[in-house]
Amino acid sequence: MESIVVKESFKVTLLDTGESFNCTSQQHVLSAMSKMGKKGIPSGCHGGGCGVCKVKIMEGTYHTKKMSRAHVSIEEENAGCALACRVFPTSALSMNVIGKLQKNILKKTK
């Protein structure tokens, strides 16, 4: 018998801009965010080591994979900070972009 993996999709809202996008439970938030069509979303190692995709989750549930403590301390993680490349939603999320990610997400388009 074949097992079927159900990929739930959750709405992720960027509180900074009011924009939202869908992200599956099997997809990291950075990957889904890059499909929003914004140019220049910083995307480094995709392994939790470079720290360019830092976000602060304000509402919702998620799980993370290992992240560099040089970029996200235990205290920050406990306060909802994480690297978007290591965040997998388990419910709808509301978040703010912080650090290097802010520059490009909040950039005004002409």
PDB file of N, CA and C in Angstrom:
ATOM      1  N   MET A   1       0.835  -1.180   0.000  1.00  0.00           N
ATOM      2  CA  MET A   1       0.000   0.000   0.000  1.00  0.00           C
ATOM      3  C   MET A   1       0.879   1.242   0.000  1.00  0.00           C
ATOM      4  N   GLU A   2       0.570   2.178  -0.883  1.00  0.00           N
ATOM      5  CA  GLU A   2       1.335   3.413  -0.994  1.00  0.00           C
ATOM      6  C   GLU A   2       0.883   4.423   0.046  1.00  0.00           C
ATOM      7  N   SER A   3       1.849   5.104   0.663  1.00  0.00           N
ATOM      8  CA  SER A   3       1.471   6.171   1.594  1.00  0.00           C
ATOM      9  C   SER A   3       1.364   7.479   0.823  1.00  0.00           C
ATOM     10  N   ILE A   4       0.400   8.255   1.184  1.00  0.00           N
ATOM     11  CA  ILE A   4       0.166   9.537   0.521  1.00  0.00           C
ATOM     12  C   ILE A   4       0.556  10.652   1.483  1.00  0.00           C
ATOM     13  N   VAL A   5       1.434  11.553   1.006  1.00  0.00           N
ATOM     14  CA  VAL A   5       1.852  12.693   1.813  1.00  0.00           C
ATOM     15  C   VAL A   5       0.938  13.863   1.477  1.00  0.00           C
ATOM     16  N   VAL A   6       0.233  14.346   2.473  1.00  0.00           N
ATOM     17  CA  VAL A   6      -0.657  15.483   2.271  1.00  0.00           C
ATOM     18  C   VAL A   6       0.123  16.755   2.579  1.00  0.00           C
ATOM     19  N   LYS A   7       0.176  17.633   1.602  1.00  0.00           N
ATOM     20  CA  LYS A   7       0.864  18.910   1.790  1.00  0.00           C
ATOM     21  C   LYS A   7      -0.184  19.974   2.083  1.00  0.00           C
ATOM     22  N   GLU A   8      -0.290  20.325   3.347  1.00  0.00           N
ATOM     23  CA  GLU A   8      -1.213  21.393   3.698  1.00  0.00           C
ATOM     24  C   GLU A   8      -0.605  22.718   3.278  1.00  0.00           C
ATOM     25  N   SER A   9      -1.443  23.653   2.894  1.00  0.00           N
ATOM     26  CA  SER A   9      -0.982  24.976   2.501  1.00  0.00           C
ATOM     27  C   SER A   9      -1.505  25.995   3.507  1.00  0.00           C
ATOM     28  N   PHE A  10      -0.627  26.899   3.898  1.00  0.00           N
ATOM     29  CA  PHE A  10      -0.979  27.904   4.891  1.00  0.00           C
ATOM     30  C   PHE A  10      -0.673  29.301   4.360  1.00  0.00           C
ATOM     31  N   LYS A  11      -1.502  30.257   4.764  1.00  0.00           N
ATOM     32  CA  LYS A  11      -1.288  31.649   4.387  1.00  0.00           C
ATOM     33  C   LYS A  11      -0.243  32.251   5.310  1.00  0.00           C
ATOM     34  N   VAL A  12       0.754  32.909   4.711  1.00  0.00           N
ATOM     35  CA  VAL A  12       1.786  33.613   5.461  1.00  0.00           C
ATOM     36  C   VAL A  12       1.649  35.086   5.126  1.00  0.00           C
ATOM     37  N   THR A  13       1.491  35.919   6.147  1.00  0.00           N
ATOM     38  CA  THR A  13       1.300  37.353   5.948  1.00  0.00           C
ATOM     39  C   THR A  13       2.517  38.103   6.452  1.00  0.00           C
ATOM     40  N   LEU A  14       3.026  39.006   5.601  1.00  0.00           N
ATOM     41  CA  LEU A  14       4.107  39.906   6.002  1.00  0.00           C
ATOM     42  C   LEU A  14       3.460  41.147   6.603  1.00  0.00           C
ATOM     43  N   LEU A  15       3.559  41.294   7.908  1.00  0.00           N
ATOM     44  CA  LEU A  15       2.912  42.416   8.579  1.00  0.00           C
ATOM     45  C   LEU A  15       3.495  43.753   8.135  1.00  0.00           C
ATOM     46  N   ASP A  16       4.759  43.764   7.726  1.00  0.00           N
ATOM     47  CA  ASP A  16       5.428  44.997   7.303  1.00  0.00           C
ATOM     48  C   ASP A  16       4.752  45.620   6.079  1.00  0.00           C
ATOM     49  N   THR A  17       4.238  44.778   5.177  1.00  0.00           N
ATOM     50  CA  THR A  17       3.686  45.277   3.913  1.00  0.00           C
ATOM     51  C   THR A  17       2.223  44.916   3.703  1.00  0.00           C
ATOM     52  N   GLY A  18       1.703  43.960   4.474  1.00  0.00           N
ATOM     53  CA  GLY A  18       0.336  43.497   4.274  1.00  0.00           C
ATOM     54  C   GLY A  18       0.229  42.435   3.191  1.00  0.00           C
ATOM     55  N   GLU A  19       1.340  42.101   2.536  1.00  0.00           N
ATOM     56  CA  GLU A  19       1.326  41.087   1.486  1.00  0.00           C
ATOM     57  C   GLU A  19       1.233  39.699   2.109  1.00  0.00           C
ATOM     58  N   SER A  20       0.704  38.773   1.338  1.00  0.00           N
ATOM     59  CA  SER A  20       0.644  37.393   1.824  1.00  0.00           C
ATOM     60  C   SER A  20       0.943  36.439   0.684  1.00  0.00           C
ATOM     61  N   PHE A  21       1.306  35.240   1.059  1.00  0.00           N
ATOM     62  CA  PHE A  21       1.604  34.185   0.096  1.00  0.00           C
ATOM     63  C   PHE A  21       1.292  32.859   0.753  1.00  0.00           C
ATOM     64  N   ASN A  22       1.169  31.820  -0.039  1.00  0.00           N
ATOM     65  CA  ASN A  22       0.893  30.487   0.487  1.00  0.00           C
ATOM     66  C   ASN A  22       2.188  29.704   0.613  1.00  0.00           C
ATOM     67  N   CYS A  23       2.253  28.896   1.647  1.00  0.00           N
ATOM     68  CA  CYS A  23       3.418  28.062   1.899  1.00  0.00           C
ATOM     69  C   CYS A  23       2.923  26.703   2.386  1.00  0.00           C
ATOM     70  N   THR A  24       3.429  25.631   1.800  1.00  0.00           N
ATOM     71  CA  THR A  24       3.016  24.311   2.243  1.00  0.00           C
ATOM     72  C   THR A  24       3.807  23.894   3.478  1.00  0.00           C
ATOM     73  N   SER A  25       3.319  22.897   4.159  1.00  0.00           N
ATOM     74  CA  SER A  25       3.985  22.397   5.354  1.00  0.00           C
ATOM     75  C   SER A  25       5.316  21.724   5.017  1.00  0.00           C
ATOM     76  N   GLN A  26       5.517  21.383   3.752  1.00  0.00           N
ATOM     77  CA  GLN A  26       6.749  20.726   3.306  1.00  0.00           C
ATOM     78  C   GLN A  26       7.748  21.708   2.686  1.00  0.00           C
ATOM     79  N   GLN A  27       7.413  22.995   2.689  1.00  0.00           N
ATOM     80  CA  GLN A  27       8.214  24.018   2.012  1.00  0.00           C
ATOM     81  C   GLN A  27       8.684  25.032   3.047  1.00  0.00           C
ATOM     82  N   HIS A  28       9.938  25.463   2.950  1.00  0.00           N
ATOM     83  CA  HIS A  28      10.356  26.498   3.890  1.00  0.00           C
ATOM     84  C   HIS A  28       9.826  27.855   3.436  1.00  0.00           C
ATOM     85  N   VAL A  29       9.631  28.731   4.384  1.00  0.00           N
ATOM     86  CA  VAL A  29       9.001  30.031   4.135  1.00  0.00           C
ATOM     87  C   VAL A  29       9.781  30.846   3.100  1.00  0.00           C
ATOM     88  N   LEU A  30      11.103  30.783   3.111  1.00  0.00           N
ATOM     89  CA  LEU A  30      11.892  31.555   2.144  1.00  0.00           C
ATOM     90  C   LEU A  30      11.583  31.131   0.716  1.00  0.00           C
ATOM     91  N   SER A  31      11.431  29.846   0.488  1.00  0.00           N
ATOM     92  CA  SER A  31      11.117  29.342  -0.844  1.00  0.00           C
ATOM     93  C   SER A  31       9.763  29.884  -1.319  1.00  0.00           C
ATOM     94  N   ALA A  32       8.770  29.828  -0.449  1.00  0.00           N
ATOM     95  CA  ALA A  32       7.444  30.344  -0.811  1.00  0.00           C
ATOM     96  C   ALA A  32       7.475  31.858  -1.000  1.00  0.00           C
ATOM     97  N   MET A  33       8.228  32.548  -0.164  1.00  0.00           N
ATOM     98  CA  MET A  33       8.334  34.007  -0.249  1.00  0.00           C
ATOM     99  C   MET A  33       8.954  34.426  -1.581  1.00  0.00           C
ATOM    100  N   SER A  34       9.915  33.660  -2.059  1.00  0.00           N
ATOM    101  CA  SER A  34      10.580  34.016  -3.317  1.00  0.00           C
ATOM    102  C   SER A  34       9.625  33.936  -4.505  1.00  0.00           C
ATOM    103  N   LYS A  35       8.538  33.200  -4.364  1.00  0.00           N
ATOM    104  CA  LYS A  35       7.561  33.078  -5.441  1.00  0.00           C
ATOM    105  C   LYS A  35       6.563  34.228  -5.460  1.00  0.00           C
ATOM    106  N   MET A  36       6.700  35.185  -4.517  1.00  0.00           N
ATOM    107  CA  MET A  36       5.813  36.361  -4.491  1.00  0.00           C
ATOM    108  C   MET A  36       6.083  37.287  -5.666  1.00  0.00           C
ATOM    109  N   GLY A  37       7.250  37.154  -6.286  1.00  0.00           N
ATOM    110  CA  GLY A  37       7.572  37.997  -7.426  1.00  0.00           C
ATOM    111  C   GLY A  37       8.391  39.218  -7.071  1.00  0.00           C
ATOM    112  N   LYS A  38       8.771  39.369  -5.810  1.00  0.00           N
ATOM    113  CA  LYS A  38       9.630  40.498  -5.443  1.00  0.00           C
ATOM    114  C   LYS A  38      11.031  40.214  -5.929  1.00  0.00           C
ATOM    115  N   LYS A  39      11.653  41.207  -6.518  1.00  0.00           N
ATOM    116  CA  LYS A  39      13.018  41.029  -6.998  1.00  0.00           C
ATOM    117  C   LYS A  39      13.991  41.277  -5.864  1.00  0.00           C
ATOM    118  N   GLY A  40      15.078  40.524  -5.877  1.00  0.00           N
ATOM    119  CA  GLY A  40      16.167  40.781  -4.954  1.00  0.00           C
ATOM    120  C   GLY A  40      15.969  40.282  -3.538  1.00  0.00           C
ATOM    121  N   ILE A  41      15.083  39.312  -3.319  1.00  0.00           N
ATOM    122  CA  ILE A  41      14.957  38.753  -1.975  1.00  0.00           C
ATOM    123  C   ILE A  41      16.273  38.064  -1.658  1.00  0.00           C
ATOM    124  N   PRO A  42      16.964  38.514  -0.599  1.00  0.00           N
ATOM    125  CA  PRO A  42      18.249  37.896  -0.285  1.00  0.00           C
ATOM    126  C   PRO A  42      18.071  36.416   0.002  1.00  0.00           C
ATOM    127  N   SER A  43      18.917  35.651  -0.598  1.00  0.00           N
ATOM    128  CA  SER A  43      18.823  34.215  -0.467  1.00  0.00           C
ATOM    129  C   SER A  43      20.242  33.672  -0.501  1.00  0.00           C
ATOM    130  N   GLY A  44      20.719  33.284   0.657  1.00  0.00           N
ATOM    131  CA  GLY A  44      22.094  32.833   0.734  1.00  0.00           C
ATOM    132  C   GLY A  44      22.220  31.330   0.655  1.00  0.00           C
ATOM    133  N   CYS A  45      22.524  30.735   1.768  1.00  0.00           N
ATOM    134  CA  CYS A  45      22.903  29.326   1.794  1.00  0.00           C
ATOM    135  C   CYS A  45      21.730  28.350   1.804  1.00  0.00           C
ATOM    136  N   HIS A  46      20.551  28.787   2.225  1.00  0.00           N
ATOM    137  CA  HIS A  46      19.359  27.927   2.371  1.00  0.00           C
ATOM    138  C   HIS A  46      19.587  26.791   3.367  1.00  0.00           C
ATOM    139  N   GLY A  47      20.575  26.963   4.234  1.00  0.00           N
ATOM    140  CA  GLY A  47      20.883  25.920   5.202  1.00  0.00           C
ATOM    141  C   GLY A  47      20.942  26.421   6.632  1.00  0.00           C
ATOM    142  N   GLY A  48      20.517  27.658   6.862  1.00  0.00           N
ATOM    143  CA  GLY A  48      20.502  28.188   8.217  1.00  0.00           C
ATOM    144  C   GLY A  48      21.834  28.713   8.705  1.00  0.00           C
ATOM    145  N   GLY A  49      22.785  28.927   7.806  1.00  0.00           N
ATOM    146  CA  GLY A  49      24.109  29.347   8.223  1.00  0.00           C
ATOM    147  C   GLY A  49      24.476  30.786   7.949  1.00  0.00           C
ATOM    148  N   CYS A  50      23.858  31.423   6.953  1.00  0.00           N
ATOM    149  CA  CYS A  50      24.309  32.770   6.574  1.00  0.00           C
ATOM    150  C   CYS A  50      23.538  33.899   7.258  1.00  0.00           C
ATOM    151  N   GLY A  51      22.297  33.660   7.644  1.00  0.00           N
ATOM    152  CA  GLY A  51      21.538  34.644   8.406  1.00  0.00           C
ATOM    153  C   GLY A  51      20.860  35.750   7.634  1.00  0.00           C
ATOM    154  N   VAL A  52      20.883  35.730   6.309  1.00  0.00           N
ATOM    155  CA  VAL A  52      20.301  36.853   5.560  1.00  0.00           C
ATOM    156  C   VAL A  52      18.771  36.849   5.521  1.00  0.00           C
ATOM    157  N   CYS A  53      18.135  35.758   5.880  1.00  0.00           N
ATOM    158  CA  CYS A  53      16.668  35.661   5.731  1.00  0.00           C
ATOM    159  C   CYS A  53      15.952  35.669   7.088  1.00  0.00           C
ATOM    160  N   LYS A  54      16.398  36.504   7.993  1.00  0.00           N
ATOM    161  CA  LYS A  54      15.858  36.523   9.361  1.00  0.00           C
ATOM    162  C   LYS A  54      14.455  37.143   9.411  1.00  0.00           C
ATOM    163  N   VAL A  55      13.573  36.471  10.126  1.00  0.00           N
ATOM    164  CA  VAL A  55      12.196  36.927  10.304  1.00  0.00           C
ATOM    165  C   VAL A  55      11.814  36.809  11.776  1.00  0.00           C
ATOM    166  N   LYS A  56      10.737  37.481  12.135  1.00  0.00           N
ATOM    167  CA  LYS A  56      10.174  37.330  13.479  1.00  0.00           C
ATOM    168  C   LYS A  56       8.721  36.912  13.314  1.00  0.00           C
ATOM    169  N   ILE A  57       8.411  35.717  13.770  1.00  0.00           N
ATOM    170  CA  ILE A  57       7.054  35.195  13.694  1.00  0.00           C
ATOM    171  C   ILE A  57       6.248  35.814  14.829  1.00  0.00           C
ATOM    172  N   MET A  58       5.171  36.490  14.473  1.00  0.00           N
ATOM    173  CA  MET A  58       4.338  37.174  15.460  1.00  0.00           C
ATOM    174  C   MET A  58       3.134  36.318  15.870  1.00  0.00           C
ATOM    175  N   GLU A  59       2.598  35.543  14.921  1.00  0.00           N
ATOM    176  CA  GLU A  59       1.453  34.672  15.199  1.00  0.00           C
ATOM    177  C   GLU A  59       1.577  33.408  14.372  1.00  0.00           C
ATOM    178  N   GLY A  60       1.081  32.314  14.924  1.00  0.00           N
ATOM    179  CA  GLY A  60       1.032  31.060  14.201  1.00  0.00           C
ATOM    180  C   GLY A  60       2.006  30.044  14.773  1.00  0.00           C
ATOM    181  N   THR A  61       1.895  28.832  14.243  1.00  0.00           N
ATOM    182  CA  THR A  61       2.757  27.747  14.700  1.00  0.00           C
ATOM    183  C   THR A  61       3.601  27.242  13.541  1.00  0.00           C
ATOM    184  N   TYR A  62       4.770  26.754  13.880  1.00  0.00           N
ATOM    185  CA  TYR A  62       5.738  26.327  12.872  1.00  0.00           C
ATOM    186  C   TYR A  62       6.787  25.454  13.542  1.00  0.00           C
ATOM    187  N   HIS A  63       7.578  24.809  12.734  1.00  0.00           N
ATOM    188  CA  HIS A  63       8.754  24.131  13.275  1.00  0.00           C
ATOM    189  C   HIS A  63       9.951  24.594  12.466  1.00  0.00           C
ATOM    190  N   THR A  64      11.116  24.488  13.074  1.00  0.00           N
ATOM    191  CA  THR A  64      12.335  24.926  12.398  1.00  0.00           C
ATOM    192  C   THR A  64      13.344  23.786  12.345  1.00  0.00           C
ATOM    193  N   LYS A  65      14.219  23.912  11.400  1.00  0.00           N
ATOM    194  CA  LYS A  65      15.386  23.042  11.346  1.00  0.00           C
ATOM    195  C   LYS A  65      16.542  23.814  11.977  1.00  0.00           C
ATOM    196  N   LYS A  66      17.665  23.173  12.116  1.00  0.00           N
ATOM    197  CA  LYS A  66      18.834  23.756  12.772  1.00  0.00           C
ATOM    198  C   LYS A  66      19.250  25.076  12.116  1.00  0.00           C
ATOM    199  N   MET A  67      19.529  26.083  12.973  1.00  0.00           N
ATOM    200  CA  MET A  67      19.972  27.403  12.519  1.00  0.00           C
ATOM    201  C   MET A  67      21.260  27.774  13.239  1.00  0.00           C
ATOM    202  N   SER A  68      22.073  28.579  12.603  1.00  0.00           N
ATOM    203  CA  SER A  68      23.321  29.039  13.205  1.00  0.00           C
ATOM    204  C   SER A  68      23.035  29.941  14.400  1.00  0.00           C
ATOM    205  N   ARG A  69      23.615  29.628  15.533  1.00  0.00           N
ATOM    206  CA  ARG A  69      23.471  30.466  16.731  1.00  0.00           C
ATOM    207  C   ARG A  69      24.182  31.803  16.565  1.00  0.00           C
ATOM    208  N   ALA A  70      25.049  31.916  15.577  1.00  0.00           N
ATOM    209  CA  ALA A  70      25.694  33.198  15.295  1.00  0.00           C
ATOM    210  C   ALA A  70      24.676  34.208  14.760  1.00  0.00           C
ATOM    211  N   HIS A  71      23.568  33.700  14.223  1.00  0.00           N
ATOM    212  CA  HIS A  71      22.556  34.579  13.624  1.00  0.00           C
ATOM    213  C   HIS A  71      21.242  34.606  14.390  1.00  0.00           C
ATOM    214  N   VAL A  72      20.921  33.530  15.097  1.00  0.00           N
ATOM    215  CA  VAL A  72      19.697  33.465  15.900  1.00  0.00           C
ATOM    216  C   VAL A  72      20.055  32.832  17.246  1.00  0.00           C
ATOM    217  N   SER A  73      20.078  33.669  18.271  1.00  0.00           N
ATOM    218  CA  SER A  73      20.395  33.156  19.604  1.00  0.00           C
ATOM    219  C   SER A  73      19.197  32.382  20.161  1.00  0.00           C
ATOM    220  N   ILE A  74      19.423  31.641  21.222  1.00  0.00           N
ATOM    221  CA  ILE A  74      18.332  30.915  21.872  1.00  0.00           C
ATOM    222  C   ILE A  74      17.260  31.895  22.345  1.00  0.00           C
ATOM    223  N   GLU A  75      17.693  33.037  22.886  1.00  0.00           N
ATOM    224  CA  GLU A  75      16.742  34.045  23.357  1.00  0.00           C
ATOM    225  C   GLU A  75      15.901  34.584  22.207  1.00  0.00           C
ATOM    226  N   GLU A  76      16.553  34.870  21.065  1.00  0.00           N
ATOM    227  CA  GLU A  76      15.819  35.362  19.897  1.00  0.00           C
ATOM    228  C   GLU A  76      14.837  34.299  19.391  1.00  0.00           C
ATOM    229  N   GLU A  77      15.305  33.057  19.334  1.00  0.00           N
ATOM    230  CA  GLU A  77      14.435  31.977  18.867  1.00  0.00           C
ATOM    231  C   GLU A  77      13.213  31.843  19.771  1.00  0.00           C
ATOM    232  N   ASN A  78      13.418  31.937  21.073  1.00  0.00           N
ATOM    233  CA  ASN A  78      12.303  31.870  22.025  1.00  0.00           C
ATOM    234  C   ASN A  78      11.343  33.042  21.863  1.00  0.00           C
ATOM    235  N   ALA A  79      11.833  34.167  21.315  1.00  0.00           N
ATOM    236  CA  ALA A  79      11.000  35.348  21.081  1.00  0.00           C
ATOM    237  C   ALA A  79      10.359  35.329  19.692  1.00  0.00           C
ATOM    238  N   GLY A  80      10.554  34.254  18.932  1.00  0.00           N
ATOM    239  CA  GLY A  80       9.902  34.127  17.629  1.00  0.00           C
ATOM    240  C   GLY A  80      10.792  34.413  16.434  1.00  0.00           C
ATOM    241  N   CYS A  81      12.071  34.724  16.649  1.00  0.00           N
ATOM    242  CA  CYS A  81      12.971  34.977  15.527  1.00  0.00           C
ATOM    243  C   CYS A  81      13.470  33.651  14.956  1.00  0.00           C
ATOM    244  N   ALA A  82      13.621  33.634  13.642  1.00  0.00           N
ATOM    245  CA  ALA A  82      14.110  32.440  12.960  1.00  0.00           C
ATOM    246  C   ALA A  82      14.621  32.846  11.588  1.00  0.00           C
ATOM    247  N   LEU A  83      15.259  31.915  10.919  1.00  0.00           N
ATOM    248  CA  LEU A  83      15.681  32.128   9.541  1.00  0.00           C
ATOM    249  C   LEU A  83      14.622  31.509   8.639  1.00  0.00           C
ATOM    250  N   ALA A  84      14.107  32.303   7.704  1.00  0.00           N
ATOM    251  CA  ALA A  84      12.991  31.866   6.858  1.00  0.00           C
ATOM    252  C   ALA A  84      13.303  30.581   6.098  1.00  0.00           C
ATOM    253  N   CYS A  85      14.572  30.329   5.830  1.00  0.00           N
ATOM    254  CA  CYS A  85      14.944  29.105   5.108  1.00  0.00           C
ATOM    255  C   CYS A  85      14.847  27.870   5.992  1.00  0.00           C
ATOM    256  N   ARG A  86      14.579  28.065   7.287  1.00  0.00           N
ATOM    257  CA  ARG A  86      14.491  26.944   8.219  1.00  0.00           C
ATOM    258  C   ARG A  86      13.121  26.855   8.883  1.00  0.00           C
ATOM    259  N   VAL A  87      12.158  27.691   8.446  1.00  0.00           N
ATOM    260  CA  VAL A  87      10.812  27.735   9.031  1.00  0.00           C
ATOM    261  C   VAL A  87       9.828  26.991   8.130  1.00  0.00           C
ATOM    262  N   PHE A  88       9.107  26.043   8.723  1.00  0.00           N
ATOM    263  CA  PHE A  88       8.080  25.269   8.026  1.00  0.00           C
ATOM    264  C   PHE A  88       6.767  25.470   8.784  1.00  0.00           C
ATOM    265  N   PRO A  89       5.746  26.069   8.146  1.00  0.00           N
ATOM    266  CA  PRO A  89       4.500  26.379   8.859  1.00  0.00           C
ATOM    267  C   PRO A  89       3.680  25.146   9.208  1.00  0.00           C
ATOM    268  N   THR A  90       3.006  25.223  10.354  1.00  0.00           N
ATOM    269  CA  THR A  90       2.020  24.205  10.728  1.00  0.00           C
ATOM    270  C   THR A  90       0.660  24.860  10.932  1.00  0.00           C
ATOM    271  N   SER A  91       0.588  26.171  10.673  1.00  0.00           N
ATOM    272  CA  SER A  91      -0.660  26.940  10.679  1.00  0.00           C
ATOM    273  C   SER A  91      -0.394  28.207   9.869  1.00  0.00           C
ATOM    274  N   ALA A  92      -1.401  29.052   9.736  1.00  0.00           N
ATOM    275  CA  ALA A  92      -1.190  30.364   9.120  1.00  0.00           C
ATOM    276  C   ALA A  92      -0.189  31.125   9.982  1.00  0.00           C
ATOM    277  N   LEU A  93       0.658  31.935   9.336  1.00  0.00           N
ATOM    278  CA  LEU A  93       1.669  32.710  10.057  1.00  0.00           C
ATOM    279  C   LEU A  93       1.535  34.186   9.747  1.00  0.00           C
ATOM    280  N   SER A  94       1.843  35.016  10.731  1.00  0.00           N
ATOM    281  CA  SER A  94       2.025  36.453  10.546  1.00  0.00           C
ATOM    282  C   SER A  94       3.438  36.743  11.011  1.00  0.00           C
ATOM    283  N   MET A  95       4.195  37.496  10.193  1.00  0.00           N
ATOM    284  CA  MET A  95       5.583  37.731  10.561  1.00  0.00           C
ATOM    285  C   MET A  95       6.072  39.075  10.065  1.00  0.00           C
ATOM    286  N   ASN A  96       7.166  39.510  10.659  1.00  0.00           N
ATOM    287  CA  ASN A  96       7.885  40.698  10.223  1.00  0.00           C
ATOM    288  C   ASN A  96       9.230  40.252   9.683  1.00  0.00           C
ATOM    289  N   VAL A  97       9.715  40.975   8.672  1.00  0.00           N
ATOM    290  CA  VAL A  97      11.057  40.700   8.176  1.00  0.00           C
ATOM    291  C   VAL A  97      12.024  41.584   8.948  1.00  0.00           C
ATOM    292  N   ILE A  98      13.182  41.043   9.282  1.00  0.00           N
ATOM    293  CA  ILE A  98      14.174  41.804  10.036  1.00  0.00           C
ATOM    294  C   ILE A  98      15.551  41.602   9.413  1.00  0.00           C
ATOM    295  N   GLY A  99      16.499  42.393   9.824  1.00  0.00           N
ATOM    296  CA  GLY A  99      17.859  42.245   9.316  1.00  0.00           C
ATOM    297  C   GLY A  99      17.965  42.574   7.842  1.00  0.00           C
ATOM    298  N   LYS A 100      18.815  41.832   7.152  1.00  0.00           N
ATOM    299  CA  LYS A 100      19.117  42.084   5.738  1.00  0.00           C
ATOM    300  C   LYS A 100      17.913  41.879   4.834  1.00  0.00           C
ATOM    301  N   LEU A 101      16.984  41.060   5.240  1.00  0.00           N
ATOM    302  CA  LEU A 101      15.797  40.786   4.437  1.00  0.00           C
ATOM    303  C   LEU A 101      14.901  42.018   4.317  1.00  0.00           C
ATOM    304  N   GLN A 102      14.918  42.857   5.349  1.00  0.00           N
ATOM    305  CA  GLN A 102      14.066  44.053   5.381  1.00  0.00           C
ATOM    306  C   GLN A 102      14.310  44.983   4.200  1.00  0.00           C
ATOM    307  N   LYS A 103      15.568  45.188   3.862  1.00  0.00           N
ATOM    308  CA  LYS A 103      15.932  46.144   2.815  1.00  0.00           C
ATOM    309  C   LYS A 103      15.194  45.870   1.505  1.00  0.00           C
ATOM    310  N   ASN A 104      15.143  44.626   1.092  1.00  0.00           N
ATOM    311  CA  ASN A 104      14.527  44.309  -0.188  1.00  0.00           C
ATOM    312  C   ASN A 104      13.022  44.098  -0.118  1.00  0.00           C
ATOM    313  N   ILE A 105      12.530  43.568   0.973  1.00  0.00           N
ATOM    314  CA  ILE A 105      11.091  43.351   1.106  1.00  0.00           C
ATOM    315  C   ILE A 105      10.361  44.681   1.231  1.00  0.00           C
ATOM    316  N   LEU A 106      10.955  45.608   1.958  1.00  0.00           N
ATOM    317  CA  LEU A 106      10.290  46.886   2.204  1.00  0.00           C
ATOM    318  C   LEU A 106      10.621  47.942   1.171  1.00  0.00           C
ATOM    319  N   LYS A 107      11.430  47.582   0.164  1.00  0.00           N
ATOM    320  CA  LYS A 107      11.814  48.529  -0.887  1.00  0.00           C
ATOM    321  C   LYS A 107      10.582  48.990  -1.640  1.00  0.00           C
ATOM    322  N   LYS A 108      10.491  50.263  -1.852  1.00  0.00           N
ATOM    323  CA  LYS A 108       9.380  50.831  -2.622  1.00  0.00           C
ATOM    324  C   LYS A 108       9.571  50.510  -4.092  1.00  0.00           C
ATOM    325  N   THR A 109       8.500  50.086  -4.744  1.00  0.00           N
ATOM    326  CA  THR A 109       8.570  49.850  -6.187  1.00  0.00           C
ATOM    327  C   THR A 109       7.952  51.025  -6.908  1.00  0.00           C
ATOM    328  N   LYS A 110       8.511  51.350  -8.053  1.00  0.00           N
ATOM    329  CA  LYS A 110       8.021  52.516  -8.825  1.00  0.00           C
ATOM    330  C   LYS A 110       6.997  52.098  -9.827  1.00  0.00           C
TER     331      LYS A 110
END
